[in-house]
Protein backbone atom coordinates (compact mmCIF):
# COMPACT_ATOMS: atom_id res chain seq x y z
CA MET A 1 -6.59 -9.38 -72.90
CA SER A 2 -4.64 -8.74 -69.92
CA SER A 3 -5.29 -9.90 -66.60
CA PRO A 4 -6.74 -7.52 -64.40
CA SER A 5 -4.11 -6.01 -61.65
CA LEU A 6 -3.82 -7.42 -58.27
CA PRO A 7 -5.49 -4.34 -56.75
CA ASP A 8 -8.38 -4.70 -59.24
CA SER A 9 -8.32 -8.23 -58.54
CA VAL A 10 -8.28 -7.52 -54.21
CA LYS A 11 -11.34 -4.98 -54.78
CA ALA A 12 -13.73 -7.11 -56.80
CA ASN A 13 -12.90 -9.88 -54.35
CA ILE A 14 -13.39 -7.87 -51.44
CA GLU A 15 -17.24 -6.75 -53.13
CA ALA A 16 -18.05 -10.47 -54.25
CA TYR A 17 -17.18 -11.02 -49.93
CA PHE A 18 -19.79 -8.37 -49.08
CA SER A 19 -22.28 -9.76 -51.49
CA ASP A 20 -22.17 -13.11 -50.08
CA LEU A 21 -23.08 -11.55 -46.36
CA ASP A 22 -26.29 -10.60 -47.98
CA GLY A 23 -26.36 -8.07 -45.80
CA THR A 24 -24.83 -9.27 -42.81
CA ASP A 25 -22.35 -7.20 -40.66
CA PRO A 26 -18.91 -8.61 -41.22
CA ALA A 27 -16.44 -8.94 -38.50
CA ASN A 28 -12.63 -9.01 -38.34
CA MET A 29 -12.07 -7.88 -41.79
CA HIS A 30 -8.68 -6.82 -41.54
CA ASP A 31 -7.21 -9.51 -39.61
CA MET A 32 -8.93 -12.22 -41.86
CA LEU A 33 -7.61 -10.49 -45.15
CA MET A 34 -4.43 -10.32 -43.57
CA ARG A 35 -4.81 -14.48 -43.16
CA VAL A 36 -6.20 -15.41 -46.40
CA VAL A 37 -3.69 -13.15 -48.47
CA GLU A 38 -0.61 -13.99 -46.49
CA LYS A 39 -0.87 -17.76 -46.53
CA PRO A 40 -0.33 -17.65 -50.55
CA LEU A 41 1.76 -15.02 -50.47
CA LEU A 42 4.69 -16.76 -48.64
CA GLU A 43 3.70 -19.98 -50.48
CA VAL A 44 4.59 -18.86 -53.79
CA VAL A 45 7.69 -16.47 -52.77
CA MET A 46 8.68 -19.68 -50.69
CA HIS A 47 8.39 -21.29 -53.92
CA ARG A 48 10.10 -19.40 -56.27
CA ALA A 49 12.93 -18.55 -53.78
CA GLN A 50 13.63 -22.50 -53.85
CA HIS A 51 12.63 -22.54 -49.96
CA ASN A 52 15.61 -20.56 -49.27
CA GLN A 53 14.35 -18.31 -45.89
CA SER A 54 17.16 -15.75 -45.97
CA ARG A 55 16.35 -14.90 -50.16
CA ALA A 56 12.08 -15.00 -49.61
CA ALA A 57 13.06 -12.66 -46.39
CA GLN A 58 14.38 -10.28 -48.55
CA TRP A 59 12.43 -10.22 -51.12
CA LEU A 60 9.25 -9.89 -48.72
CA GLY A 61 11.43 -6.70 -46.42
CA LEU A 62 11.13 -8.92 -43.83
CA ASN A 63 13.26 -10.12 -40.73
CA ARG A 64 14.14 -13.79 -41.67
CA ASN A 65 12.91 -14.74 -38.25
CA THR A 66 9.44 -13.13 -38.83
CA LEU A 67 9.40 -14.84 -42.19
CA ARG A 68 10.14 -18.08 -39.94
CA LYS A 69 7.30 -16.87 -37.20
CA LYS A 70 4.63 -16.18 -40.22
CA LEU A 71 5.61 -19.62 -41.67
CA LEU A 72 5.21 -21.69 -38.64
CA GLU A 73 1.70 -20.14 -38.31
CA HIS A 74 0.49 -20.41 -41.23
CA GLY A 75 1.48 -24.82 -40.89
CA LEU A 76 4.16 -23.85 -43.89
CA LEU A 77 7.03 -25.29 -41.75
CA ASP A 78 7.36 -28.01 -39.21
CA GLY A 79 7.98 -26.99 -35.95
């Protein structure tokens, strides 16, 4: 038995989010989802890259300075 695909997992979680809202209108979903997904993405990539920011930035397709800024925003680096 294989795991669900990433898009299927995201879709299922968004459907669950709407269900949890129980009819209440959502707000700022795009920003919320990007922040919720971005932090674990950065955590896993940084771990897999052995905390090498240049390598992680390359894997993510980001400029190293942009990666550093995002790591700081998510509290994943000491200022």
